[in-house]
């Protein structure tokens, strides 16, 4: 009798465990739509791409489902897809989860529709052996995660955005063709094996930056980038503000009453016709008087 009771108790336990397991699985509600499968995240306020089953060569991630934004490419969502050649991530995508595009061996080009992606997680594009182009400068990522672009054999160059502060282990490991990586001065951490077994890489960096020291300490080839100068369009006297005095300064320079300072021709050419003239001074006066609204005066540019 005791044995029978124990067997019954064991069977009941198995049933209860199975029921609990089913409950856990069923708690994830999936929303299949054609080639896509979504599920809700962040307290049901957003959708994540859970799976992609299509065979298109040019893939554009959808914007929304049921009027809810699709913000995340889920873990392994496209893993080992061998037909996709070009991928465009919609303007609502903020996160590319770990292994999301791992081993997509036909993928050549990744396009970010707008500057919205803030996170590309571990091994997201690892094993994308045909990947030639990915515009990371059009993202807001702060970390090039572990193995994110490992084994991307066709990738020849890449530029990191100025939001990046960290490059993790094997981020660009085993990239046989990678020859140019532009690293901004904002980077404060580079793992010792970030470029492991990537023999031809050249680091493009700013003098005395961490990337510069990293290249020197690891006996890597590097090229120093010239520091970019910035200017404010219309700030002819280069005092950091736009006033009527800038119009007067233009007139004085043109009349040879004061010396022309460095960068004057760029800052003073507010109508962007290639020359600094009285018309530029007049345009600034109109701007200051509130008579000119549609203008780039006051905007910051680099040269």
C-alpha atoms as a PDB file:
ATOM      1  CA  UNK A   1       0.000   0.000   0.000  1.00  0.00           C
ATOM      2  CA  UNK A   2       2.821   2.381   0.917  1.00  0.00           C
ATOM      3  CA  UNK A   3       4.536   1.653  -2.382  1.00  0.00           C
ATOM      4  CA  UNK A   4       1.273   2.246  -4.247  1.00  0.00           C
ATOM      5  CA  UNK A   5       0.761   5.560  -2.430  1.00  0.00           C
ATOM      6  CA  UNK A   6       4.292   6.628  -3.259  1.00  0.00           C
ATOM      7  CA  UNK A   7       3.788   5.791  -6.909  1.00  0.00           C
ATOM      8  CA  UNK A   8       0.525   7.740  -6.946  1.00  0.00           C
ATOM      9  CA  UNK A   9       2.221  10.692  -5.220  1.00  0.00           C
ATOM     10  CA  UNK A  10       5.067  10.587  -7.730  1.00  0.00           C
ATOM     11  CA  UNK A  11       2.650  10.519 -10.662  1.00  0.00           C
ATOM     12  CA  UNK A  12       0.721  13.453  -9.209  1.00  0.00           C
ATOM     13  CA  UNK A  13       3.973  15.383  -8.833  1.00  0.00           C
ATOM     14  CA  UNK A  14       4.885  14.720 -12.463  1.00  0.00           C
ATOM     15  CA  UNK A  15       1.435  15.860 -13.589  1.00  0.00           C
ATOM     16  CA  UNK A  16       1.710  19.035 -11.516  1.00  0.00           C
ATOM     17  CA  UNK A  17       5.191  19.786 -12.840  1.00  0.00           C
ATOM     18  CA  UNK A  18       3.999  19.196 -16.409  1.00  0.00           C
ATOM     19  CA  UNK A  19       1.001  21.440 -15.846  1.00  0.00           C
ATOM     20  CA  UNK A  20       3.252  24.165 -14.449  1.00  0.00           C
ATOM     21  CA  UNK A  21       5.589  23.823 -17.422  1.00  0.00           C
ATOM     22  CA  UNK A  22       2.674  24.181 -19.843  1.00  0.00           C
ATOM     23  CA  UNK A  23       1.496  27.223 -17.945  1.00  0.00           C
ATOM     24  CA  UNK A  24       4.958  28.811 -18.240  1.00  0.00           C
ATOM     25  CA  UNK A  25       5.081  28.169 -21.973  1.00  0.00           C
ATOM     26  CA  UNK A  26       1.543  29.339 -22.551  1.00  0.00           C
ATOM     27  CA  UNK A  27       2.346  32.543 -20.653  1.00  0.00           C
ATOM     28  CA  UNK A  28       4.268  33.704 -23.753  1.00  0.00           C
ATOM     29  CA  UNK A  29       1.563  34.646 -26.220  1.00  0.00           C
ATOM     30  CA  UNK A  30       2.804  34.627 -29.801  1.00  0.00           C
ATOM     31  CA  UNK A  31       1.323  36.666 -32.630  1.00  0.00           C
ATOM     32  CA  UNK A  32       2.070  35.059 -36.029  1.00  0.00           C
ATOM     33  CA  UNK A  33       1.503  37.326 -39.051  1.00  0.00           C
ATOM     34  CA  UNK A  34       2.570  35.996 -42.454  1.00  0.00           C
ATOM     35  CA  UNK A  35       6.385  35.539 -42.268  1.00  0.00           C
ATOM     36  CA  UNK A  36       6.641  37.162 -38.834  1.00  0.00           C
ATOM     37  CA  UNK A  37       6.036  36.058 -35.270  1.00  0.00           C
ATOM     38  CA  UNK A  38       5.834  38.678 -32.513  1.00  0.00           C
ATOM     39  CA  UNK A  39       5.347  38.730 -28.793  1.00  0.00           C
ATOM     40  CA  UNK A  40       4.703  41.557 -26.366  1.00  0.00           C
ATOM     41  CA  UNK A  41       7.379  43.008 -24.094  1.00  0.00           C
ATOM     42  CA  UNK A  42       7.735  45.854 -21.606  1.00  0.00           C
ATOM     43  CA  UNK A  43       4.375  45.346 -19.929  1.00  0.00           C
ATOM     44  CA  UNK A  44       2.658  44.746 -23.268  1.00  0.00           C
ATOM     45  CA  UNK A  45       3.552  48.241 -24.534  1.00  0.00           C
ATOM     46  CA  UNK A  46       5.873  47.061 -27.330  1.00  0.00           C
ATOM     47  CA  UNK A  47       6.367  44.109 -29.664  1.00  0.00           C
ATOM     48  CA  UNK A  48       9.494  42.052 -30.191  1.00  0.00           C
ATOM     49  CA  UNK A  49      10.247  40.082 -33.354  1.00  0.00           C
ATOM     50  CA  UNK A  50      10.245  36.533 -31.985  1.00  0.00           C
ATOM     51  CA  UNK A  51      10.879  34.744 -35.285  1.00  0.00           C
ATOM     52  CA  UNK A  52      11.119  35.340 -39.027  1.00  0.00           C
ATOM     53  CA  UNK A  53      10.190  32.472 -41.330  1.00  0.00           C
ATOM     54  CA  UNK A  54      10.323  34.213 -44.713  1.00  0.00           C
ATOM     55  CA  UNK A  55      12.703  33.679 -47.611  1.00  0.00           C
ATOM     56  CA  UNK A  56      12.925  37.227 -48.998  1.00  0.00           C
ATOM     57  CA  UNK A  57      16.349  38.492 -50.084  1.00  0.00           C
ATOM     58  CA  UNK A  58      15.544  42.115 -49.165  1.00  0.00           C
ATOM     59  CA  UNK A  59      14.026  42.264 -45.678  1.00  0.00           C
ATOM     60  CA  UNK A  60      12.505  45.360 -44.047  1.00  0.00           C
ATOM     61  CA  UNK A  61      11.388  44.936 -40.446  1.00  0.00           C
ATOM     62  CA  UNK A  62       7.774  46.079 -39.913  1.00  0.00           C
ATOM     63  CA  UNK A  63       6.971  49.272 -38.029  1.00  0.00           C
ATOM     64  CA  UNK A  64       4.006  48.158 -35.955  1.00  0.00           C
ATOM     65  CA  UNK A  65       1.549  45.366 -35.212  1.00  0.00           C
ATOM     66  CA  UNK A  66      -1.954  46.172 -34.007  1.00  0.00           C
ATOM     67  CA  UNK A  67      -0.860  49.823 -33.722  1.00  0.00           C
ATOM     68  CA  UNK A  68       1.893  48.876 -31.234  1.00  0.00           C
ATOM     69  CA  UNK A  69       5.493  49.691 -32.163  1.00  0.00           C
ATOM     70  CA  UNK A  70       7.879  46.835 -32.931  1.00  0.00           C
ATOM     71  CA  UNK A  71      11.021  47.898 -31.069  1.00  0.00           C
ATOM     72  CA  UNK A  72      13.189  44.812 -30.650  1.00  0.00           C
ATOM     73  CA  UNK A  73      14.689  42.056 -32.760  1.00  0.00           C
ATOM     74  CA  UNK A  74      14.550  39.090 -30.409  1.00  0.00           C
ATOM     75  CA  UNK A  75      17.278  36.601 -29.600  1.00  0.00           C
ATOM     76  CA  UNK A  76      17.949  34.194 -32.509  1.00  0.00           C
ATOM     77  CA  UNK A  77      15.014  35.679 -34.452  1.00  0.00           C
ATOM     78  CA  UNK A  78      16.856  35.359 -37.801  1.00  0.00           C
ATOM     79  CA  UNK A  79      19.455  32.800 -36.739  1.00  0.00           C
ATOM     80  CA  UNK A  80      20.917  30.881 -39.716  1.00  0.00           C
ATOM     81  CA  UNK A  81      18.691  32.538 -42.312  1.00  0.00           C
ATOM     82  CA  UNK A  82      20.557  31.872 -45.564  1.00  0.00           C
ATOM     83  CA  UNK A  83      18.419  33.776 -48.088  1.00  0.00           C
ATOM     84  CA  UNK A  84      18.403  37.355 -46.715  1.00  0.00           C
ATOM     85  CA  UNK A  85      20.932  39.586 -48.495  1.00  0.00           C
ATOM     86  CA  UNK A  86      19.898  43.079 -47.362  1.00  0.00           C
ATOM     87  CA  UNK A  87      18.335  44.078 -44.056  1.00  0.00           C
ATOM     88  CA  UNK A  88      16.730  47.410 -43.192  1.00  0.00           C
ATOM     89  CA  UNK A  89      15.799  47.972 -39.558  1.00  0.00           C
ATOM     90  CA  UNK A  90      12.791  50.257 -39.165  1.00  0.00           C
ATOM     91  CA  UNK A  91      12.950  53.572 -37.341  1.00  0.00           C
ATOM     92  CA  UNK A  92      11.276  52.070 -34.242  1.00  0.00           C
ATOM     93  CA  UNK A  93      13.864  49.350 -33.653  1.00  0.00           C
ATOM     94  CA  UNK A  94      15.975  50.198 -30.597  1.00  0.00           C
ATOM     95  CA  UNK A  95      17.424  46.808 -29.649  1.00  0.00           C
ATOM     96  CA  UNK A  96      19.063  43.970 -31.565  1.00  0.00           C
ATOM     97  CA  UNK A  97      19.204  41.062 -29.132  1.00  0.00           C
ATOM     98  CA  UNK A  98      21.940  38.467 -28.758  1.00  0.00           C
ATOM     99  CA  UNK A  99      22.464  36.084 -31.698  1.00  0.00           C
ATOM    100  CA  UNK A 100      19.612  37.819 -33.561  1.00  0.00           C
ATOM    101  CA  UNK A 101      21.300  37.502 -36.987  1.00  0.00           C
ATOM    102  CA  UNK A 102      23.899  34.881 -36.186  1.00  0.00           C
ATOM    103  CA  UNK A 103      25.064  32.816 -39.181  1.00  0.00           C
ATOM    104  CA  UNK A 104      22.991  34.732 -41.737  1.00  0.00           C
ATOM    105  CA  UNK A 105      25.569  33.740 -44.322  1.00  0.00           C
ATOM    106  CA  UNK A 106      24.048  35.586 -47.313  1.00  0.00           C
ATOM    107  CA  UNK A 107      23.512  38.917 -45.536  1.00  0.00           C
ATOM    108  CA  UNK A 108      25.616  41.598 -47.249  1.00  0.00           C
ATOM    109  CA  UNK A 109      24.173  44.942 -46.178  1.00  0.00           C
ATOM    110  CA  UNK A 110      22.592  46.240 -42.942  1.00  0.00           C
ATOM    111  CA  UNK A 111      20.807  49.608 -43.015  1.00  0.00           C
ATOM    112  CA  UNK A 112      19.458  51.527 -40.020  1.00  0.00           C
ATOM    113  CA  UNK A 113      16.505  53.609 -41.183  1.00  0.00           C
ATOM    114  CA  UNK A 114      17.061  56.222 -38.474  1.00  0.00           C
ATOM    115  CA  UNK A 115      19.257  56.869 -35.459  1.00  0.00           C
ATOM    116  CA  UNK A 116      17.210  54.800 -33.032  1.00  0.00           C
ATOM    117  CA  UNK A 117      19.175  51.617 -32.284  1.00  0.00           C
ATOM    118  CA  UNK A 118      20.813  51.914 -28.862  1.00  0.00           C
ATOM    119  CA  UNK A 119      21.839  48.310 -28.250  1.00  0.00           C
ATOM    120  CA  UNK A 120      23.392  45.563 -30.384  1.00  0.00           C
ATOM    121  CA  UNK A 121      23.896  42.616 -28.061  1.00  0.00           C
ATOM    122  CA  UNK A 122      26.396  39.740 -27.893  1.00  0.00           C
ATOM    123  CA  UNK A 123      27.043  37.820 -31.139  1.00  0.00           C
ATOM    124  CA  UNK A 124      24.203  39.685 -32.874  1.00  0.00           C
ATOM    125  CA  UNK A 125      25.866  39.456 -36.318  1.00  0.00           C
ATOM    126  CA  UNK A 126      28.491  36.790 -35.650  1.00  0.00           C
ATOM    127  CA  UNK A 127      29.072  34.399 -38.513  1.00  0.00           C
ATOM    128  CA  UNK A 128      27.598  36.750 -41.129  1.00  0.00           C
ATOM    129  CA  UNK A 129      30.381  35.771 -43.492  1.00  0.00           C
ATOM    130  CA  UNK A 130      29.088  37.800 -46.472  1.00  0.00           C
ATOM    131  CA  UNK A 131      28.460  41.029 -44.537  1.00  0.00           C
ATOM    132  CA  UNK A 132      30.143  43.902 -46.387  1.00  0.00           C
ATOM    133  CA  UNK A 133      28.425  47.014 -45.050  1.00  0.00           C
ATOM    134  CA  UNK A 134      26.868  48.076 -41.745  1.00  0.00           C
ATOM    135  CA  UNK A 135      26.408  51.756 -40.946  1.00  0.00           C
ATOM    136  CA  UNK A 136      26.976  51.821 -37.197  1.00  0.00           C
ATOM    137  CA  UNK A 137      27.432  55.602 -37.355  1.00  0.00           C
ATOM    138  CA  UNK A 138      23.681  55.765 -37.813  1.00  0.00           C
ATOM    139  CA  UNK A 139      23.106  54.265 -34.360  1.00  0.00           C
ATOM    140  CA  UNK A 140      23.333  55.378 -30.743  1.00  0.00           C
ATOM    141  CA  UNK A 141      25.016  52.274 -29.344  1.00  0.00           C
ATOM    142  CA  UNK A 142      27.392  52.736 -26.415  1.00  0.00           C
ATOM    143  CA  UNK A 143      29.001  49.291 -26.612  1.00  0.00           C
ATOM    144  CA  UNK A 144      30.228  47.037 -29.398  1.00  0.00           C
ATOM    145  CA  UNK A 145      29.236  43.881 -27.561  1.00  0.00           C
ATOM    146  CA  UNK A 146      31.127  40.629 -27.196  1.00  0.00           C
ATOM    147  CA  UNK A 147      31.424  38.817 -30.513  1.00  0.00           C
ATOM    148  CA  UNK A 148      28.936  41.201 -32.152  1.00  0.00           C
ATOM    149  CA  UNK A 149      30.725  41.051 -35.531  1.00  0.00           C
ATOM    150  CA  UNK A 150      32.910  37.997 -35.011  1.00  0.00           C
ATOM    151  CA  UNK A 151      33.645  35.943 -38.129  1.00  0.00           C
ATOM    152  CA  UNK A 152      32.333  38.626 -40.482  1.00  0.00           C
ATOM    153  CA  UNK A 153      34.884  37.667 -43.116  1.00  0.00           C
ATOM    154  CA  UNK A 154      33.738  40.046 -45.882  1.00  0.00           C
ATOM    155  CA  UNK A 155      33.651  43.182 -43.717  1.00  0.00           C
ATOM    156  CA  UNK A 156      36.462  45.493 -44.848  1.00  0.00           C
ATOM    157  CA  UNK A 157      35.851  48.682 -42.863  1.00  0.00           C
ATOM    158  CA  UNK A 158      33.591  50.097 -40.191  1.00  0.00           C
ATOM    159  CA  UNK A 159      33.181  53.409 -38.381  1.00  0.00           C
ATOM    160  CA  UNK A 160      31.929  53.598 -34.810  1.00  0.00           C
ATOM    161  CA  UNK A 161      29.608  56.384 -33.659  1.00  0.00           C
ATOM    162  CA  UNK A 162      30.737  58.865 -31.031  1.00  0.00           C
ATOM    163  CA  UNK A 163      28.275  57.325 -28.579  1.00  0.00           C
ATOM    164  CA  UNK A 164      30.481  54.229 -28.250  1.00  0.00           C
ATOM    165  CA  UNK A 165      32.524  53.987 -25.053  1.00  0.00           C
ATOM    166  CA  UNK A 166      33.406  50.282 -24.990  1.00  0.00           C
ATOM    167  CA  UNK A 167      34.572  47.571 -27.416  1.00  0.00           C
ATOM    168  CA  UNK A 168      34.245  44.122 -25.863  1.00  0.00           C
ATOM    169  CA  UNK A 169      36.016  40.788 -26.333  1.00  0.00           C
ATOM    170  CA  UNK A 170      36.016  39.388 -29.896  1.00  0.00           C
ATOM    171  CA  UNK A 171      33.756  42.250 -31.034  1.00  0.00           C
ATOM    172  CA  UNK A 172      35.650  42.182 -34.346  1.00  0.00           C
ATOM    173  CA  UNK A 173      37.421  38.881 -33.838  1.00  0.00           C
ATOM    174  CA  UNK A 174      38.297  36.558 -36.734  1.00  0.00           C
ATOM    175  CA  UNK A 175      37.401  39.194 -39.357  1.00  0.00           C
ATOM    176  CA  UNK A 176      39.915  38.252 -42.029  1.00  0.00           C
ATOM    177  CA  UNK A 177      39.232  41.140 -44.421  1.00  0.00           C
ATOM    178  CA  UNK A 178      38.692  43.931 -41.890  1.00  0.00           C
ATOM    179  CA  UNK A 179      41.278  46.586 -42.736  1.00  0.00           C
ATOM    180  CA  UNK A 180      39.898  49.831 -41.278  1.00  0.00           C
ATOM    181  CA  UNK A 181      38.120  50.574 -38.002  1.00  0.00           C
ATOM    182  CA  UNK A 182      37.443  54.214 -37.128  1.00  0.00           C
ATOM    183  CA  UNK A 183      37.404  54.552 -33.334  1.00  0.00           C
ATOM    184  CA  UNK A 184      36.174  57.827 -31.791  1.00  0.00           C
ATOM    185  CA  UNK A 185      37.843  59.519 -28.839  1.00  0.00           C
ATOM    186  CA  UNK A 186      34.786  58.676 -26.723  1.00  0.00           C
ATOM    187  CA  UNK A 187      35.942  55.056 -26.403  1.00  0.00           C
ATOM    188  CA  UNK A 188      37.345  54.465 -22.916  1.00  0.00           C
ATOM    189  CA  UNK A 189      37.535  50.653 -22.860  1.00  0.00           C
ATOM    190  CA  UNK A 190      38.837  48.150 -25.430  1.00  0.00           C
ATOM    191  CA  UNK A 191      39.189  44.497 -24.517  1.00  0.00           C
ATOM    192  CA  UNK A 192      42.600  42.958 -25.107  1.00  0.00           C
ATOM    193  CA  UNK A 193      41.014  40.461 -27.536  1.00  0.00           C
ATOM    194  CA  UNK A 194      38.583  42.843 -29.262  1.00  0.00           C
ATOM    195  CA  UNK A 195      40.366  42.291 -32.602  1.00  0.00           C
ATOM    196  CA  UNK A 196      41.571  38.760 -31.916  1.00  0.00           C
ATOM    197  CA  UNK A 197      42.814  36.960 -35.043  1.00  0.00           C
ATOM    198  CA  UNK A 198      41.978  39.934 -37.294  1.00  0.00           C
ATOM    199  CA  UNK A 199      45.408  40.258 -38.919  1.00  0.00           C
ATOM    200  CA  UNK A 200      44.967  43.157 -41.350  1.00  0.00           C
ATOM    201  CA  UNK A 201      43.124  45.688 -39.198  1.00  0.00           C
ATOM    202  CA  UNK A 202      44.294  49.309 -39.029  1.00  0.00           C
ATOM    203  CA  UNK A 203      42.946  51.497 -36.215  1.00  0.00           C
ATOM    204  CA  UNK A 204      41.969  55.020 -37.277  1.00  0.00           C
ATOM    205  CA  UNK A 205      42.032  57.104 -34.121  1.00  0.00           C
ATOM    206  CA  UNK A 206      42.741  60.483 -32.559  1.00  0.00           C
ATOM    207  CA  UNK A 207      46.144  61.262 -31.127  1.00  0.00           C
ATOM    208  CA  UNK A 208      46.546  60.380 -27.427  1.00  0.00           C
ATOM    209  CA  UNK A 209      43.112  58.729 -27.364  1.00  0.00           C
ATOM    210  CA  UNK A 210      42.644  55.333 -25.735  1.00  0.00           C
ATOM    211  CA  UNK A 211      42.441  53.728 -29.187  1.00  0.00           C
ATOM    212  CA  UNK A 212      45.793  55.305 -30.076  1.00  0.00           C
ATOM    213  CA  UNK A 213      47.431  53.941 -26.922  1.00  0.00           C
ATOM    214  CA  UNK A 214      45.753  50.570 -27.464  1.00  0.00           C
ATOM    215  CA  UNK A 215      47.186  50.302 -30.965  1.00  0.00           C
ATOM    216  CA  UNK A 216      50.668  51.264 -29.780  1.00  0.00           C
ATOM    217  CA  UNK A 217      50.613  48.893 -26.800  1.00  0.00           C
ATOM    218  CA  UNK A 218      49.393  45.985 -28.925  1.00  0.00           C
ATOM    219  CA  UNK A 219      51.778  46.679 -31.822  1.00  0.00           C
ATOM    220  CA  UNK A 220      48.869  47.320 -34.187  1.00  0.00           C
ATOM    221  CA  UNK A 221      48.881  49.534 -37.255  1.00  0.00           C
ATOM    222  CA  UNK A 222      47.124  52.857 -36.818  1.00  0.00           C
ATOM    223  CA  UNK A 223      46.399  56.115 -38.616  1.00  0.00           C
ATOM    224  CA  UNK A 224      45.878  59.341 -36.720  1.00  0.00           C
ATOM    225  CA  UNK A 225      42.764  61.313 -37.652  1.00  0.00           C
ATOM    226  CA  UNK A 226      42.930  65.095 -37.932  1.00  0.00           C
ATOM    227  CA  UNK A 227      40.842  66.798 -35.269  1.00  0.00           C
ATOM    228  CA  UNK A 228      37.589  68.149 -36.678  1.00  0.00           C
ATOM    229  CA  UNK A 229      36.907  71.861 -36.433  1.00  0.00           C
ATOM    230  CA  UNK A 230      33.401  73.080 -35.742  1.00  0.00           C
ATOM    231  CA  UNK A 231      31.737  76.316 -36.731  1.00  0.00           C
ATOM    232  CA  UNK A 232      28.444  78.074 -36.201  1.00  0.00           C
ATOM    233  CA  UNK A 233      26.966  79.340 -39.454  1.00  0.00           C
ATOM    234  CA  UNK A 234      26.597  83.099 -39.197  1.00  0.00           C
ATOM    235  CA  UNK A 235      29.020  83.516 -36.282  1.00  0.00           C
ATOM    236  CA  UNK A 236      31.371  85.592 -38.416  1.00  0.00           C
ATOM    237  CA  UNK A 237      33.403  86.978 -35.501  1.00  0.00           C
ATOM    238  CA  UNK A 238      33.573  83.508 -33.870  1.00  0.00           C
ATOM    239  CA  UNK A 239      32.434  84.635 -30.417  1.00  0.00           C
ATOM    240  CA  UNK A 240      29.920  81.787 -30.012  1.00  0.00           C
ATOM    241  CA  UNK A 241      26.706  83.780 -30.599  1.00  0.00           C
ATOM    242  CA  UNK A 242      24.816  85.249 -33.539  1.00  0.00           C
ATOM    243  CA  UNK A 243      24.164  88.994 -33.305  1.00  0.00           C
ATOM    244  CA  UNK A 244      23.994  92.059 -35.540  1.00  0.00           C
ATOM    245  CA  UNK A 245      27.687  92.492 -34.726  1.00  0.00           C
ATOM    246  CA  UNK A 246      28.377  89.508 -36.998  1.00  0.00           C
ATOM    247  CA  UNK A 247      26.866  91.417 -39.910  1.00  0.00           C
ATOM    248  CA  UNK A 248      29.036  94.411 -39.011  1.00  0.00           C
ATOM    249  CA  UNK A 249      32.097  92.174 -38.767  1.00  0.00           C
ATOM    250  CA  UNK A 250      31.495  90.866 -42.281  1.00  0.00           C
ATOM    251  CA  UNK A 251      31.314  94.440 -43.571  1.00  0.00           C
ATOM    252  CA  UNK A 252      34.557  95.341 -41.790  1.00  0.00           C
ATOM    253  CA  UNK A 253      36.404  92.332 -43.216  1.00  0.00           C
ATOM    254  CA  UNK A 254      35.153  93.061 -46.732  1.00  0.00           C
ATOM    255  CA  UNK A 255      36.240  96.684 -46.331  1.00  0.00           C
ATOM    256  CA  UNK A 256      39.669  95.448 -45.159  1.00  0.00           C
ATOM    257  CA  UNK A 257      39.251  97.291 -41.876  1.00  0.00           C
ATOM    258  CA  UNK A 258      39.962  94.139 -39.834  1.00  0.00           C
ATOM    259  CA  UNK A 259      41.912  91.002 -40.630  1.00  0.00           C
ATOM    260  CA  UNK A 260      40.045  87.963 -41.871  1.00  0.00           C
ATOM    261  CA  UNK A 261      40.207  85.268 -39.145  1.00  0.00           C
ATOM    262  CA  UNK A 262      40.607  81.551 -39.814  1.00  0.00           C
ATOM    263  CA  UNK A 263      37.350  79.908 -40.887  1.00  0.00           C
ATOM    264  CA  UNK A 264      35.687  83.238 -41.633  1.00  0.00           C
ATOM    265  CA  UNK A 265      34.703  82.313 -45.190  1.00  0.00           C
ATOM    266  CA  UNK A 266      32.821  79.240 -43.931  1.00  0.00           C
ATOM    267  CA  UNK A 267      31.122  80.925 -40.966  1.00  0.00           C
ATOM    268  CA  UNK A 268      30.145  84.072 -42.861  1.00  0.00           C
ATOM    269  CA  UNK A 269      28.769  82.388 -45.993  1.00  0.00           C
ATOM    270  CA  UNK A 270      25.216  82.094 -44.643  1.00  0.00           C
ATOM    271  CA  UNK A 271      23.580  81.887 -48.059  1.00  0.00           C
ATOM    272  CA  UNK A 272      26.049  79.123 -48.990  1.00  0.00           C
ATOM    273  CA  UNK A 273      26.910  80.486 -52.410  1.00  0.00           C
ATOM    274  CA  UNK A 274      30.637  79.973 -51.986  1.00  0.00           C
ATOM    275  CA  UNK A 275      31.607  83.582 -51.204  1.00  0.00           C
ATOM    276  CA  UNK A 276      31.370  86.000 -48.292  1.00  0.00           C
ATOM    277  CA  UNK A 277      29.547  89.148 -49.340  1.00  0.00           C
ATOM    278  CA  UNK A 278      27.387  92.047 -48.226  1.00  0.00           C
ATOM    279  CA  UNK A 279      24.388  89.819 -48.972  1.00  0.00           C
ATOM    280  CA  UNK A 280      25.513  87.544 -46.131  1.00  0.00           C
ATOM    281  CA  UNK A 281      25.644  90.523 -43.767  1.00  0.00           C
ATOM    282  CA  UNK A 282      22.161  91.561 -44.886  1.00  0.00           C
ATOM    283  CA  UNK A 283      20.852  88.030 -44.377  1.00  0.00           C
ATOM    284  CA  UNK A 284      22.143  88.017 -40.793  1.00  0.00           C
ATOM    285  CA  UNK A 285      20.482  91.394 -40.150  1.00  0.00           C
ATOM    286  CA  UNK A 286      17.175  90.028 -41.457  1.00  0.00           C
ATOM    287  CA  UNK A 287      17.569  86.949 -39.272  1.00  0.00           C
ATOM    288  CA  UNK A 288      18.207  89.065 -36.173  1.00  0.00           C
ATOM    289  CA  UNK A 289      15.184  91.222 -37.005  1.00  0.00           C
ATOM    290  CA  UNK A 290      12.964  88.130 -37.167  1.00  0.00           C
ATOM    291  CA  UNK A 291      12.336  88.539 -40.879  1.00  0.00           C
ATOM    292  CA  UNK A 292      14.032  85.292 -41.854  1.00  0.00           C
ATOM    293  CA  UNK A 293      12.845  81.975 -40.423  1.00  0.00           C
ATOM    294  CA  UNK A 294      13.794  79.193 -42.860  1.00  0.00           C
ATOM    295  CA  UNK A 295      17.586  79.305 -42.527  1.00  0.00           C
ATOM    296  CA  UNK A 296      20.568  77.314 -41.272  1.00  0.00           C
ATOM    297  CA  UNK A 297      21.969  80.337 -39.443  1.00  0.00           C
ATOM    298  CA  UNK A 298      23.060  79.281 -35.965  1.00  0.00           C
ATOM    299  CA  UNK A 299      23.507  75.602 -36.772  1.00  0.00           C
ATOM    300  CA  UNK A 300      26.764  73.820 -35.871  1.00  0.00           C
ATOM    301  CA  UNK A 301      28.776  72.166 -38.627  1.00  0.00           C
ATOM    302  CA  UNK A 302      32.135  70.393 -38.914  1.00  0.00           C
ATOM    303  CA  UNK A 303      34.961  70.994 -41.377  1.00  0.00           C
END
